[in-house]
Amino acid sequence: RLDFFLASTLFLGSCLAMSPSPELSGNNCRASASAAPAKKRTYDAVNSKTGQVELLPINGSSKRVFDVVSSDEGKVELLPVDGPSSARLPVDKLPDDAVVTIRVFRFLEDDCDAEEDWEKELKNVNTGSLLWLAVHMLPKMHSVRGAKYGEWFTIHHIRVYAKHFKSGYHMCNGGCSLPAKTFGATSAVKSLVTGRKLQQGYFWFVSPCEQHSKASLANNGWEHISVEGPFDGRNLVEECDRESCSVEAKDLQEVVRNISVCM
């Protein structure tokens, strides 16, 4: 059984490597191997020993959580929350129907807001990527004083289809996300209020959902997994000052780790 599992895994990996486009990889493998009917595919992406990025299809849900980051060219990449900084997976290397678990950040004006149903499950709201956390909180980046949308934040884990990183972003107002129908994202945002530009950008996301129901992959292209917080964003600013941290992704991941452990 082990030999069969290893052989099957290597075969699927070779199909992904040879496919001219992400959309073809899964279909070619299923047709060639005459496998069982297709199941929802979830992807892990890092060899923990070598730190190299690999496409590793797995059964069931991946325990690995990714931060959404940008390359210098503005392409969407996935960085493991618990992996080496070199282990970045370009989203365009994944099939459209691949499901990945990502971490997103939501700002609140009052910590009590975290108890609202829509905040607990991100229904019809906007969130941001890891770098957005620092850009929003620190002065002279998104706004002159910083923390324009509040000093409290929550951390959410959600599952999304890879294809929806290319779906359009829409601003939510009053808990309404029309005309968004599925999870969507902006292109990489690099501009700051001072006129300077970041080397690598951040992303905003939209998470639409029908009222009185839960978001689902089938209907909305995303689903909510868990939430942590609220956390006081002023601690993030203090941590950045104390550690003289940059806005590099791995530095920010360490800052978030320190804040969440202390709460």
C-alpha atoms as a PDB file:
ATOM      1  CA  ARG A   1       0.000   0.000   0.000  1.00  0.00           C
ATOM      2  CA  LEU A   2       2.826   2.378   0.784  1.00  0.00           C
ATOM      3  CA  ASP A   3       4.515   1.685  -2.570  1.00  0.00           C
ATOM      4  CA  PHE A   4       1.217   2.316  -4.348  1.00  0.00           C
ATOM      5  CA  PHE A   5       0.676   5.613  -2.460  1.00  0.00           C
ATOM      6  CA  LEU A   6       4.200   6.833  -3.241  1.00  0.00           C
ATOM      7  CA  ALA A   7       3.915   5.853  -6.882  1.00  0.00           C
ATOM      8  CA  SER A   8       0.538   7.577  -7.206  1.00  0.00           C
ATOM      9  CA  THR A   9       1.867  10.742  -5.570  1.00  0.00           C
ATOM     10  CA  LEU A  10       4.910  10.865  -7.863  1.00  0.00           C
ATOM     11  CA  PHE A  11       2.716  10.269 -10.896  1.00  0.00           C
ATOM     12  CA  LEU A  12       0.362  13.128  -9.988  1.00  0.00           C
ATOM     13  CA  GLY A  13       3.328  15.418  -9.333  1.00  0.00           C
ATOM     14  CA  SER A  14       4.753  14.667 -12.788  1.00  0.00           C
ATOM     15  CA  CYS A  15       1.386  15.449 -14.386  1.00  0.00           C
ATOM     16  CA  LEU A  16       1.290  18.834 -12.666  1.00  0.00           C
ATOM     17  CA  ALA A  17       4.837  19.592 -13.764  1.00  0.00           C
ATOM     18  CA  MET A  18       4.182  18.694 -17.432  1.00  0.00           C
ATOM     19  CA  SER A  19       0.779  20.322 -17.826  1.00  0.00           C
ATOM     20  CA  PRO A  20       0.887  23.422 -20.069  1.00  0.00           C
ATOM     21  CA  SER A  21      -1.709  25.154 -17.891  1.00  0.00           C
ATOM     22  CA  PRO A  22      -2.985  24.734 -14.329  1.00  0.00           C
ATOM     23  CA  GLU A  23      -6.491  23.913 -15.496  1.00  0.00           C
ATOM     24  CA  LEU A  24      -5.358  20.757 -17.300  1.00  0.00           C
ATOM     25  CA  SER A  25      -3.366  19.066 -14.558  1.00  0.00           C
ATOM     26  CA  GLY A  26      -6.102  17.369 -12.558  1.00  0.00           C
ATOM     27  CA  ASN A  27      -8.087  16.223 -15.631  1.00  0.00           C
ATOM     28  CA  ASN A  28      -5.050  14.679 -17.330  1.00  0.00           C
ATOM     29  CA  CYS A  29      -4.106  12.726 -14.209  1.00  0.00           C
ATOM     30  CA  ARG A  30      -7.602  11.418 -13.638  1.00  0.00           C
ATOM     31  CA  ALA A  31      -7.984  10.379 -17.277  1.00  0.00           C
ATOM     32  CA  SER A  32      -4.576   8.686 -17.469  1.00  0.00           C
ATOM     33  CA  ALA A  33      -4.788   6.830 -14.203  1.00  0.00           C
ATOM     34  CA  SER A  34      -8.525   5.969 -14.485  1.00  0.00           C
ATOM     35  CA  ALA A  35      -8.850   7.035 -10.878  1.00  0.00           C
ATOM     36  CA  ALA A  36     -11.990   7.222  -8.762  1.00  0.00           C
ATOM     37  CA  PRO A  37     -14.355  10.181  -9.248  1.00  0.00           C
ATOM     38  CA  ALA A  38     -12.677  13.502  -8.462  1.00  0.00           C
ATOM     39  CA  LYS A  39     -12.823  14.791  -4.926  1.00  0.00           C
ATOM     40  CA  LYS A  40     -12.214  18.334  -3.733  1.00  0.00           C
ATOM     41  CA  ARG A  41      -8.437  18.816  -3.830  1.00  0.00           C
ATOM     42  CA  THR A  42      -6.615  20.588  -1.042  1.00  0.00           C
ATOM     43  CA  TYR A  43      -2.960  21.494  -1.448  1.00  0.00           C
ATOM     44  CA  ASP A  44       0.014  21.591   0.852  1.00  0.00           C
ATOM     45  CA  ALA A  45       3.081  23.238  -0.561  1.00  0.00           C
ATOM     46  CA  VAL A  46       6.297  22.955   1.413  1.00  0.00           C
ATOM     47  CA  ASN A  47       8.874  20.255   1.988  1.00  0.00           C
ATOM     48  CA  SER A  48       9.695  20.903   5.646  1.00  0.00           C
ATOM     49  CA  LYS A  49      13.180  19.386   5.340  1.00  0.00           C
ATOM     50  CA  THR A  50      14.430  21.210   2.244  1.00  0.00           C
ATOM     51  CA  GLY A  51      12.273  24.324   2.396  1.00  0.00           C
ATOM     52  CA  GLN A  52      11.515  23.887  -1.295  1.00  0.00           C
ATOM     53  CA  VAL A  53       8.081  24.686  -2.671  1.00  0.00           C
ATOM     54  CA  GLU A  54       6.290  21.598  -3.934  1.00  0.00           C
ATOM     55  CA  LEU A  55       2.752  20.880  -5.068  1.00  0.00           C
ATOM     56  CA  LEU A  56       1.523  18.165  -2.745  1.00  0.00           C
ATOM     57  CA  PRO A  57      -2.108  17.146  -3.291  1.00  0.00           C
ATOM     58  CA  ILE A  58      -3.515  15.627  -0.107  1.00  0.00           C
ATOM     59  CA  ASN A  59      -6.747  13.969   0.934  1.00  0.00           C
ATOM     60  CA  GLY A  60      -9.040  15.977   3.182  1.00  0.00           C
ATOM     61  CA  SER A  61      -8.139  19.369   4.644  1.00  0.00           C
ATOM     62  CA  SER A  62      -4.597  20.653   4.865  1.00  0.00           C
ATOM     63  CA  LYS A  63      -3.411  21.666   8.301  1.00  0.00           C
ATOM     64  CA  ARG A  64      -1.066  24.180   6.723  1.00  0.00           C
ATOM     65  CA  VAL A  65      -2.212  27.810   6.799  1.00  0.00           C
ATOM     66  CA  PHE A  66      -0.829  30.409   4.407  1.00  0.00           C
ATOM     67  CA  ASP A  67      -0.408  34.161   4.450  1.00  0.00           C
ATOM     68  CA  VAL A  68      -1.155  35.870   1.142  1.00  0.00           C
ATOM     69  CA  VAL A  69       1.877  37.870   0.028  1.00  0.00           C
ATOM     70  CA  SER A  70       3.062  39.596  -3.121  1.00  0.00           C
ATOM     71  CA  SER A  71       6.110  39.062  -5.263  1.00  0.00           C
ATOM     72  CA  ASP A  72       8.110  42.097  -6.405  1.00  0.00           C
ATOM     73  CA  GLU A  73       6.199  41.823  -9.679  1.00  0.00           C
ATOM     74  CA  GLY A  74       2.843  41.928  -7.871  1.00  0.00           C
ATOM     75  CA  LYS A  75       1.907  38.271  -8.312  1.00  0.00           C
ATOM     76  CA  VAL A  76      -0.091  36.544  -5.576  1.00  0.00           C
ATOM     77  CA  GLU A  77       1.975  34.088  -3.538  1.00  0.00           C
ATOM     78  CA  LEU A  78       1.241  31.905  -0.516  1.00  0.00           C
ATOM     79  CA  LEU A  79       3.691  31.906   2.392  1.00  0.00           C
ATOM     80  CA  PRO A  80       3.233  29.236   5.097  1.00  0.00           C
ATOM     81  CA  VAL A  81       2.564  30.755   8.495  1.00  0.00           C
ATOM     82  CA  ASP A  82       4.963  28.215  10.009  1.00  0.00           C
ATOM     83  CA  GLY A  83       7.385  27.744   7.111  1.00  0.00           C
ATOM     84  CA  PRO A  84      10.680  29.206   5.863  1.00  0.00           C
ATOM     85  CA  SER A  85      10.601  32.580   4.105  1.00  0.00           C
ATOM     86  CA  SER A  86      11.908  30.974   0.914  1.00  0.00           C
ATOM     87  CA  ALA A  87       8.908  28.656   0.704  1.00  0.00           C
ATOM     88  CA  ARG A  88       6.579  30.791  -1.395  1.00  0.00           C
ATOM     89  CA  LEU A  89       4.017  29.196  -3.651  1.00  0.00           C
ATOM     90  CA  PRO A  90       2.792  31.242  -6.639  1.00  0.00           C
ATOM     91  CA  VAL A  91      -0.981  30.900  -6.826  1.00  0.00           C
ATOM     92  CA  ASP A  92      -0.847  30.723 -10.614  1.00  0.00           C
ATOM     93  CA  LYS A  93       0.943  27.369 -10.232  1.00  0.00           C
ATOM     94  CA  LEU A  94      -2.174  25.858  -8.662  1.00  0.00           C
ATOM     95  CA  PRO A  95      -5.165  24.466 -10.558  1.00  0.00           C
ATOM     96  CA  ASP A  96      -8.206  26.732 -10.373  1.00  0.00           C
ATOM     97  CA  ASP A  97     -10.099  24.198  -8.272  1.00  0.00           C
ATOM     98  CA  ALA A  98      -7.357  23.820  -5.667  1.00  0.00           C
ATOM     99  CA  VAL A  99      -8.544  24.738  -2.164  1.00  0.00           C
ATOM    100  CA  VAL A 100      -6.118  26.498   0.184  1.00  0.00           C
ATOM    101  CA  THR A 101      -6.452  27.752   3.756  1.00  0.00           C
ATOM    102  CA  ILE A 102      -5.349  31.356   4.224  1.00  0.00           C
ATOM    103  CA  ARG A 103      -5.092  33.833   7.080  1.00  0.00           C
ATOM    104  CA  VAL A 104      -6.792  37.233   6.751  1.00  0.00           C
ATOM    105  CA  PHE A 105      -7.019  40.248   9.056  1.00  0.00           C
ATOM    106  CA  ARG A 106     -10.056  42.341   9.964  1.00  0.00           C
ATOM    107  CA  PHE A 107      -9.924  45.722  11.766  1.00  0.00           C
ATOM    108  CA  LEU A 108     -12.504  46.883  14.299  1.00  0.00           C
ATOM    109  CA  GLU A 109     -13.207  50.271  15.851  1.00  0.00           C
ATOM    110  CA  ASP A 110     -14.300  48.652  19.125  1.00  0.00           C
ATOM    111  CA  ASP A 111     -13.321  45.274  20.526  1.00  0.00           C
ATOM    112  CA  CYS A 112     -17.002  44.598  21.320  1.00  0.00           C
ATOM    113  CA  ASP A 113     -17.713  44.558  17.578  1.00  0.00           C
ATOM    114  CA  ALA A 114     -16.028  41.163  17.423  1.00  0.00           C
ATOM    115  CA  GLU A 115     -19.158  39.645  18.984  1.00  0.00           C
ATOM    116  CA  GLU A 116     -21.368  40.536  16.034  1.00  0.00           C
ATOM    117  CA  ASP A 117     -22.358  37.557  13.882  1.00  0.00           C
ATOM    118  CA  TRP A 118     -21.019  39.047  10.669  1.00  0.00           C
ATOM    119  CA  GLU A 119     -17.657  39.735  12.323  1.00  0.00           C
ATOM    120  CA  LYS A 120     -17.384  36.215  13.714  1.00  0.00           C
ATOM    121  CA  GLU A 121     -17.792  34.702  10.246  1.00  0.00           C
ATOM    122  CA  LEU A 122     -16.678  37.585   7.969  1.00  0.00           C
ATOM    123  CA  LYS A 123     -20.079  37.857   6.298  1.00  0.00           C
ATOM    124  CA  ASN A 124     -20.085  40.607   3.664  1.00  0.00           C
ATOM    125  CA  VAL A 125     -17.012  42.427   4.930  1.00  0.00           C
ATOM    126  CA  ASN A 126     -13.573  43.421   3.698  1.00  0.00           C
ATOM    127  CA  THR A 127     -10.340  42.032   5.106  1.00  0.00           C
ATOM    128  CA  GLY A 128      -6.671  42.287   4.258  1.00  0.00           C
ATOM    129  CA  SER A 129      -3.463  40.302   3.951  1.00  0.00           C
ATOM    130  CA  LEU A 130      -0.555  40.137   6.401  1.00  0.00           C
ATOM    131  CA  LEU A 131       1.134  43.292   5.134  1.00  0.00           C
ATOM    132  CA  TRP A 132      -2.156  45.213   5.377  1.00  0.00           C
ATOM    133  CA  LEU A 133      -1.947  44.681   9.140  1.00  0.00           C
ATOM    134  CA  ALA A 134       1.215  46.787   9.361  1.00  0.00           C
ATOM    135  CA  VAL A 135       0.300  49.263   6.625  1.00  0.00           C
ATOM    136  CA  HIS A 136      -2.993  50.066   8.344  1.00  0.00           C
ATOM    137  CA  MET A 137      -1.604  50.391  11.884  1.00  0.00           C
ATOM    138  CA  LEU A 138       1.670  52.241  11.311  1.00  0.00           C
ATOM    139  CA  PRO A 139       1.608  56.019  10.694  1.00  0.00           C
ATOM    140  CA  LYS A 140       2.406  57.534   7.302  1.00  0.00           C
ATOM    141  CA  MET A 141       1.569  54.375   5.403  1.00  0.00           C
ATOM    142  CA  HIS A 142      -2.151  53.919   4.636  1.00  0.00           C
ATOM    143  CA  SER A 143      -3.054  57.057   6.606  1.00  0.00           C
ATOM    144  CA  VAL A 144      -1.076  59.860   8.218  1.00  0.00           C
ATOM    145  CA  ARG A 145      -1.869  58.861  11.808  1.00  0.00           C
ATOM    146  CA  GLY A 146      -2.422  55.158  11.235  1.00  0.00           C
ATOM    147  CA  ALA A 147      -5.271  52.901  12.380  1.00  0.00           C
ATOM    148  CA  LYS A 148      -7.875  54.640  10.212  1.00  0.00           C
ATOM    149  CA  TYR A 149     -10.402  51.794  10.597  1.00  0.00           C
ATOM    150  CA  GLY A 150      -9.754  51.045  14.254  1.00  0.00           C
ATOM    151  CA  GLU A 151      -7.027  49.783  16.570  1.00  0.00           C
ATOM    152  CA  TRP A 152      -8.462  46.320  17.220  1.00  0.00           C
ATOM    153  CA  PHE A 153      -8.102  43.396  14.843  1.00  0.00           C
ATOM    154  CA  THR A 154      -9.145  39.788  14.508  1.00  0.00           C
ATOM    155  CA  ILE A 155      -7.376  36.958  12.700  1.00  0.00           C
ATOM    156  CA  HIS A 156      -9.456  34.601  10.583  1.00  0.00           C
ATOM    157  CA  HIS A 157      -8.673  31.364   8.783  1.00  0.00           C
ATOM    158  CA  ILE A 158     -10.717  30.760   5.661  1.00  0.00           C
ATOM    159  CA  ARG A 159     -10.643  28.273   2.807  1.00  0.00           C
ATOM    160  CA  VAL A 160     -10.809  29.573  -0.768  1.00  0.00           C
ATOM    161  CA  TYR A 161     -10.565  28.316  -4.317  1.00  0.00           C
ATOM    162  CA  ALA A 162      -7.308  29.367  -5.970  1.00  0.00           C
ATOM    163  CA  LYS A 163      -9.198  30.771  -8.955  1.00  0.00           C
ATOM    164  CA  HIS A 164     -10.874  33.448  -6.839  1.00  0.00           C
ATOM    165  CA  PHE A 165      -7.640  35.323  -6.210  1.00  0.00           C
ATOM    166  CA  LYS A 166      -8.308  36.516  -9.768  1.00  0.00           C
ATOM    167  CA  SER A 167     -11.946  37.397  -9.044  1.00  0.00           C
ATOM    168  CA  GLY A 168     -12.825  41.052  -8.646  1.00  0.00           C
ATOM    169  CA  TYR A 169     -12.712  42.962  -5.366  1.00  0.00           C
ATOM    170  CA  HIS A 170     -15.649  45.059  -4.176  1.00  0.00           C
ATOM    171  CA  MET A 171     -15.926  47.405  -1.223  1.00  0.00           C
ATOM    172  CA  CYS A 172     -18.529  46.401   1.370  1.00  0.00           C
ATOM    173  CA  ASN A 173     -20.839  49.011   2.860  1.00  0.00           C
ATOM    174  CA  GLY A 174     -23.143  48.446   5.804  1.00  0.00           C
ATOM    175  CA  GLY A 175     -22.735  44.690   5.640  1.00  0.00           C
ATOM    176  CA  CYS A 176     -23.616  44.561   1.950  1.00  0.00           C
ATOM    177  CA  SER A 177     -21.152  43.308  -0.644  1.00  0.00           C
ATOM    178  CA  LEU A 178     -23.104  43.815  -3.877  1.00  0.00           C
ATOM    179  CA  PRO A 179     -22.175  43.155  -6.627  1.00  0.00           C
ATOM    180  CA  ALA A 180     -19.667  40.593  -5.264  1.00  0.00           C
ATOM    181  CA  LYS A 181     -20.891  37.001  -5.571  1.00  0.00           C
ATOM    182  CA  THR A 182     -17.714  35.137  -4.652  1.00  0.00           C
ATOM    183  CA  PHE A 183     -14.540  35.709  -2.679  1.00  0.00           C
ATOM    184  CA  GLY A 184     -12.404  38.282  -4.478  1.00  0.00           C
ATOM    185  CA  ALA A 185      -9.113  40.119  -4.131  1.00  0.00           C
ATOM    186  CA  THR A 186      -7.462  43.317  -5.289  1.00  0.00           C
ATOM    187  CA  SER A 187      -4.265  43.376  -7.256  1.00  0.00           C
ATOM    188  CA  ALA A 188      -1.194  44.116  -5.128  1.00  0.00           C
ATOM    189  CA  VAL A 189      -1.461  47.604  -3.578  1.00  0.00           C
ATOM    190  CA  LYS A 190       1.914  49.336  -3.246  1.00  0.00           C
ATOM    191  CA  SER A 191       1.136  53.053  -2.935  1.00  0.00           C
ATOM    192  CA  LEU A 192       1.395  54.781   0.463  1.00  0.00           C
ATOM    193  CA  VAL A 193      -0.141  58.054   1.654  1.00  0.00           C
ATOM    194  CA  THR A 194       3.275  59.732   1.493  1.00  0.00           C
ATOM    195  CA  GLY A 195       3.660  58.950  -2.188  1.00  0.00           C
ATOM    196  CA  ARG A 196       6.248  56.268  -1.572  1.00  0.00           C
ATOM    197  CA  LYS A 197       5.730  52.756  -2.892  1.00  0.00           C
ATOM    198  CA  LEU A 198       6.229  49.428  -1.188  1.00  0.00           C
ATOM    199  CA  GLN A 199       8.529  46.913  -2.831  1.00  0.00           C
ATOM    200  CA  GLN A 200       5.912  44.214  -2.319  1.00  0.00           C
ATOM    201  CA  GLY A 201       2.233  45.049  -2.095  1.00  0.00           C
ATOM    202  CA  TYR A 202      -0.645  44.021   0.142  1.00  0.00           C
ATOM    203  CA  PHE A 203      -4.121  42.750  -0.751  1.00  0.00           C
ATOM    204  CA  TRP A 204      -7.707  43.486   0.251  1.00  0.00           C
ATOM    205  CA  PHE A 205     -10.354  40.768   0.117  1.00  0.00           C
ATOM    206  CA  VAL A 206     -14.136  40.595  -0.041  1.00  0.00           C
ATOM    207  CA  SER A 207     -16.118  37.736   1.511  1.00  0.00           C
ATOM    208  CA  PRO A 208     -19.749  37.832   0.317  1.00  0.00           C
ATOM    209  CA  CYS A 209     -22.421  35.633   1.816  1.00  0.00           C
ATOM    210  CA  GLU A 210     -26.192  35.301   1.580  1.00  0.00           C
ATOM    211  CA  GLN A 211     -28.031  36.685   4.584  1.00  0.00           C
ATOM    212  CA  HIS A 212     -29.055  34.188   7.266  1.00  0.00           C
ATOM    213  CA  SER A 213     -26.713  31.514   5.903  1.00  0.00           C
ATOM    214  CA  LYS A 214     -23.108  30.405   6.120  1.00  0.00           C
ATOM    215  CA  ALA A 215     -20.645  31.004   3.311  1.00  0.00           C
ATOM    216  CA  SER A 216     -19.724  27.881   1.383  1.00  0.00           C
ATOM    217  CA  LEU A 217     -17.166  26.927  -1.231  1.00  0.00           C
ATOM    218  CA  ALA A 218     -19.929  25.785  -3.559  1.00  0.00           C
ATOM    219  CA  ASN A 219     -21.961  28.997  -3.425  1.00  0.00           C
ATOM    220  CA  ASN A 220     -19.438  31.694  -2.517  1.00  0.00           C
ATOM    221  CA  GLY A 221     -16.013  30.287  -3.349  1.00  0.00           C
ATOM    222  CA  TRP A 222     -14.907  30.509   0.289  1.00  0.00           C
ATOM    223  CA  GLU A 223     -15.813  29.244   3.742  1.00  0.00           C
ATOM    224  CA  HIS A 224     -14.988  30.389   7.257  1.00  0.00           C
ATOM    225  CA  ILE A 225     -12.896  28.110   9.479  1.00  0.00           C
ATOM    226  CA  SER A 226     -11.925  29.948  12.674  1.00  0.00           C
ATOM    227  CA  VAL A 227     -11.322  33.315  14.329  1.00  0.00           C
ATOM    228  CA  GLU A 228      -8.862  34.573  16.966  1.00  0.00           C
ATOM    229  CA  GLY A 229      -8.943  37.829  18.883  1.00  0.00           C
ATOM    230  CA  PRO A 230      -9.709  40.628  19.125  1.00  0.00           C
ATOM    231  CA  PHE A 231      -6.134  41.837  19.561  1.00  0.00           C
ATOM    232  CA  ASP A 232      -4.984  45.347  20.412  1.00  0.00           C
ATOM    233  CA  GLY A 233      -3.197  46.736  17.371  1.00  0.00           C
ATOM    234  CA  ARG A 234      -1.231  49.144  19.559  1.00  0.00           C
ATOM    235  CA  ASN A 235       0.721  46.124  20.759  1.00  0.00           C
ATOM    236  CA  LEU A 236       1.727  45.477  17.171  1.00  0.00           C
ATOM    237  CA  VAL A 237       3.047  49.035  16.838  1.00  0.00           C
ATOM    238  CA  GLU A 238       4.970  48.693  20.106  1.00  0.00           C
ATOM    239  CA  GLU A 239       6.353  45.328  19.053  1.00  0.00           C
ATOM    240  CA  CYS A 240       7.504  46.756  15.731  1.00  0.00           C
ATOM    241  CA  ASP A 241       9.190  49.682  17.505  1.00  0.00           C
ATOM    242  CA  ARG A 242      10.843  47.400  20.069  1.00  0.00           C
ATOM    243  CA  GLU A 243      12.168  44.938  17.524  1.00  0.00           C
ATOM    244  CA  SER A 244      12.838  47.559  14.840  1.00  0.00           C
ATOM    245  CA  CYS A 245      11.062  45.171  12.513  1.00  0.00           C
ATOM    246  CA  SER A 246      10.687  45.760   8.817  1.00  0.00           C
ATOM    247  CA  VAL A 247       7.565  45.119   6.801  1.00  0.00           C
ATOM    248  CA  GLU A 248       9.088  41.908   5.504  1.00  0.00           C
ATOM    249  CA  ALA A 249       6.596  39.061   5.702  1.00  0.00           C
ATOM    250  CA  LYS A 250       8.627  36.840   8.036  1.00  0.00           C
ATOM    251  CA  ASP A 251       9.219  39.741  10.455  1.00  0.00           C
ATOM    252  CA  LEU A 252       5.496  40.495  10.518  1.00  0.00           C
ATOM    253  CA  GLN A 253       4.647  36.829  11.031  1.00  0.00           C
ATOM    254  CA  GLU A 254       6.919  36.798  14.086  1.00  0.00           C
ATOM    255  CA  VAL A 255       5.310  39.959  15.469  1.00  0.00           C
ATOM    256  CA  VAL A 256       1.817  38.487  15.045  1.00  0.00           C
ATOM    257  CA  ARG A 257       2.996  35.269  16.687  1.00  0.00           C
ATOM    258  CA  ASN A 258       4.306  37.186  19.701  1.00  0.00           C
ATOM    259  CA  ILE A 259       1.105  39.192  20.080  1.00  0.00           C
ATOM    260  CA  SER A 260      -1.214  36.197  19.801  1.00  0.00           C
ATOM    261  CA  VAL A 261       0.827  34.117  22.271  1.00  0.00           C
ATOM    262  CA  CYS A 262       0.727  36.877  24.876  1.00  0.00           C
ATOM    263  CA  MET A 263      -3.070  37.266  24.721  1.00  0.00           C
END
